[in-house]
Amino acid sequence: MRRALLLLALAGCGKSEPPPPDLSWMKETALLNEWTSAFPMVTRTPVIKGKLLILEMDRKEVLVGMMKQLPAELRPATKAEVGTLAWLRTTKTPVGQYKKMGLAGNRDTLEVTLIDVAAREAFHWHGFDGGMPEKEIRLTKEEMEDARREGGISGTAPKDAVLQYLIGLPRN
């Protein structure tokens, strides 16, 4: 009996996961405004300094879903750890038409601009083309309204390609 209690007590003494960091700082309006303002463009080899923060420029928000997919050594727990920003902006290029629905078929391009936070410079730009839209589609009324609001139907966004590119960049 004692041995069983001792084993149970020891089992509870194992390493436990640390609590997740508080990332509420990623939603601070003043910080997002500062980090999405214009920076002078210089050209140099793309290198990630410090940790990386991925921002959607048109909505001025952190792309939390993409951030969660970064390796731990690239994810900042505090704003002081952020050394490089990746600005993402989506452009839509009409490549077809869904005539019966009156909707454009678009191919999305994700434009990535890298920002050196300490130098306050944009230093690299790269574009990633997404997939072509489907030839035939069926939409519910709600999906049709969303598609009209979003400017048409797009093919797959190249988010995975962008993530692999960012993860593969050299680090400093």
Protein backbone atom coordinates (compact mmCIF):
# COMPACT_ATOMS: atom_id res chain seq x y z
CA MET A 1 0.00 0.00 0.00
CA ARG A 2 2.79 2.41 0.93
CA ARG A 3 4.56 1.62 -2.33
CA ALA A 4 1.41 2.47 -4.33
CA LEU A 5 1.01 5.80 -2.48
CA LEU A 6 4.68 6.61 -3.03
CA LEU A 7 4.36 5.87 -6.75
CA LEU A 8 1.27 8.07 -6.98
CA ALA A 9 3.06 10.88 -5.15
CA LEU A 10 6.10 10.59 -7.42
CA ALA A 11 3.93 10.53 -10.55
CA GLY A 12 2.55 13.95 -9.60
CA CYS A 13 6.07 15.38 -9.21
CA GLY A 14 6.94 15.19 -12.91
CA LYS A 15 7.67 18.20 -15.03
CA SER A 16 4.57 20.20 -15.80
CA GLU A 17 4.06 22.57 -18.68
CA PRO A 18 4.68 26.23 -17.83
CA PRO A 19 1.63 28.46 -18.09
CA PRO A 20 1.20 30.04 -21.53
CA PRO A 21 2.60 33.57 -21.82
CA ASP A 22 0.24 36.54 -21.63
CA LEU A 23 0.01 37.76 -25.23
CA SER A 24 -2.52 40.53 -24.64
CA TRP A 25 0.19 43.05 -25.55
CA MET A 26 -0.26 41.91 -29.18
CA LYS A 27 -3.62 43.70 -29.28
CA GLU A 28 -2.46 47.09 -27.97
CA THR A 29 -3.72 49.68 -30.46
CA ALA A 30 -0.83 52.11 -29.93
CA LEU A 31 1.72 49.35 -30.49
CA LEU A 32 -0.05 48.09 -33.62
CA ASN A 33 -0.25 51.65 -34.97
CA GLU A 34 3.48 52.15 -34.34
CA TRP A 35 4.44 48.84 -35.92
CA THR A 36 2.23 49.32 -38.98
CA SER A 37 3.35 52.88 -39.80
CA ALA A 38 5.57 53.65 -42.80
CA PHE A 39 9.23 52.66 -42.62
CA PRO A 40 11.94 53.63 -45.13
CA MET A 41 12.85 50.79 -47.52
CA VAL A 42 16.42 49.56 -47.80
CA THR A 43 17.58 46.43 -49.58
CA ARG A 44 19.59 43.77 -47.80
CA THR A 45 19.64 40.04 -47.27
CA PRO A 46 16.57 38.83 -45.38
CA VAL A 47 17.55 37.81 -41.85
CA ILE A 48 15.31 37.45 -38.82
CA LYS A 49 16.68 39.36 -35.86
CA GLY A 50 15.24 38.47 -32.47
CA LYS A 51 11.74 37.04 -32.57
CA LEU A 52 9.16 37.47 -35.31
CA LEU A 53 5.71 39.07 -35.21
CA ILE A 54 3.38 38.55 -38.19
CA LEU A 55 0.93 41.41 -38.84
CA GLU A 56 -1.96 41.75 -41.29
CA MET A 57 -1.50 45.28 -42.54
CA ASP A 58 -4.96 46.16 -43.83
CA ARG A 59 -6.67 45.19 -40.56
CA LYS A 60 -3.69 46.17 -38.37
CA GLU A 61 -3.78 42.99 -36.34
CA VAL A 62 -1.49 40.17 -35.33
CA LEU A 63 -2.13 36.97 -37.28
CA VAL A 64 -2.40 34.76 -34.22
CA GLY A 65 -3.15 31.61 -36.24
CA MET A 66 0.09 31.96 -38.18
CA MET A 67 2.03 32.93 -35.05
CA LYS A 68 0.97 29.68 -33.36
CA GLN A 69 2.50 27.75 -36.26
CA LEU A 70 5.95 29.32 -35.83
CA PRO A 71 8.56 27.35 -33.92
CA ALA A 72 8.87 28.40 -30.26
CA GLU A 73 12.26 30.04 -30.86
CA LEU A 74 10.60 32.54 -33.25
CA ARG A 75 7.48 33.35 -31.18
CA PRO A 76 7.79 36.39 -28.90
CA ALA A 77 6.39 36.19 -25.40
CA THR A 78 6.86 39.94 -24.84
CA LYS A 79 7.05 42.97 -27.11
CA ALA A 80 10.69 43.47 -26.05
CA GLU A 81 11.56 40.18 -27.79
CA VAL A 82 10.23 41.35 -31.18
CA GLY A 83 13.16 42.13 -33.46
CA THR A 84 11.54 41.55 -36.84
CA LEU A 85 8.06 42.28 -38.15
CA ALA A 86 6.51 40.50 -41.12
CA TRP A 87 3.86 42.70 -42.71
CA LEU A 88 1.38 40.73 -44.80
CA ARG A 89 -0.94 42.33 -47.30
CA THR A 90 -3.27 40.47 -49.64
CA THR A 91 -3.87 41.68 -53.17
CA LYS A 92 -6.59 40.13 -55.32
CA THR A 93 -6.15 39.74 -59.06
CA PRO A 94 -9.31 38.96 -61.05
CA VAL A 95 -8.64 35.88 -63.19
CA GLY A 96 -12.19 34.82 -64.02
CA GLN A 97 -15.87 35.52 -63.60
CA TYR A 98 -18.79 33.61 -62.11
CA LYS A 99 -21.29 35.21 -64.48
CA LYS A 100 -24.48 33.66 -63.06
CA MET A 101 -23.59 34.99 -59.60
CA GLY A 102 -22.02 38.25 -60.69
CA LEU A 103 -18.81 37.46 -58.78
CA ALA A 104 -15.16 37.72 -59.74
CA GLY A 105 -12.85 34.75 -59.46
CA ASN A 106 -9.62 35.99 -57.87
CA ARG A 107 -6.09 34.79 -57.35
CA ASP A 108 -4.68 36.13 -54.10
CA THR A 109 -1.08 37.24 -53.67
CA LEU A 110 0.36 37.59 -50.18
CA GLU A 111 2.96 40.34 -50.10
CA VAL A 112 5.45 39.99 -47.25
CA THR A 113 7.54 42.96 -46.12
CA LEU A 114 10.17 42.39 -43.44
CA ILE A 115 10.83 45.18 -40.94
CA ASP A 116 13.88 45.55 -38.69
CA VAL A 117 12.32 46.95 -35.49
CA ALA A 118 15.57 48.34 -34.01
CA ALA A 119 16.70 50.04 -37.25
CA ARG A 120 13.09 51.05 -38.08
CA GLU A 121 13.61 49.98 -41.69
CA ALA A 122 11.78 47.82 -44.18
CA PHE A 123 14.52 45.66 -45.69
CA HIS A 124 12.96 42.91 -47.80
CA TRP A 125 9.83 42.25 -49.88
CA HIS A 126 8.57 38.99 -51.38
CA GLY A 127 5.28 38.04 -53.06
CA PHE A 128 3.57 34.64 -52.92
CA ASP A 129 0.85 33.71 -55.42
CA GLY A 130 -2.07 31.65 -54.17
CA GLY A 131 -4.11 29.08 -56.03
CA MET A 132 -6.57 29.69 -58.83
CA PRO A 133 -10.27 29.83 -57.89
CA GLU A 134 -12.47 26.81 -58.54
CA LYS A 135 -14.07 26.61 -61.98
CA GLU A 136 -17.50 25.82 -60.53
CA ILE A 137 -18.85 26.71 -57.10
CA ARG A 138 -22.02 26.42 -55.06
CA LEU A 139 -22.69 28.98 -52.35
CA THR A 140 -25.29 29.44 -49.66
CA LYS A 141 -26.97 32.83 -49.38
CA GLU A 142 -24.63 33.79 -46.50
CA GLU A 143 -21.54 32.68 -48.46
CA MET A 144 -22.73 34.72 -51.45
CA GLU A 145 -23.07 37.83 -49.26
CA ASP A 146 -19.58 37.24 -47.82
CA ALA A 147 -18.14 36.79 -51.32
CA ARG A 148 -19.69 40.07 -52.48
CA ARG A 149 -18.29 41.86 -49.42
CA GLU A 150 -14.83 40.36 -50.03
CA GLY A 151 -14.74 41.25 -53.73
CA GLY A 152 -15.31 37.77 -55.16
CA ILE A 153 -14.20 34.17 -54.71
CA SER A 154 -10.50 33.48 -54.24
CA GLY A 155 -8.39 30.38 -54.66
CA THR A 156 -6.34 29.09 -51.75
CA ALA A 157 -4.22 31.67 -49.97
CA PRO A 158 -0.46 30.90 -49.90
CA LYS A 159 -0.18 31.12 -46.10
CA ASP A 160 1.69 27.81 -45.80
CA ALA A 161 4.28 28.97 -48.35
CA VAL A 162 4.73 32.24 -46.44
CA LEU A 163 5.17 30.38 -43.14
CA GLN A 164 7.75 28.00 -44.62
CA TYR A 165 9.62 30.95 -46.14
CA LEU A 166 9.70 32.85 -42.83
CA ILE A 167 10.71 29.77 -40.84
CA GLY A 168 13.50 29.04 -43.34
CA LEU A 169 15.09 32.50 -43.21
CA PRO A 170 18.49 32.77 -41.53
CA ARG A 171 18.48 34.11 -37.97
CA ASN A 172 20.72 36.61 -36.29
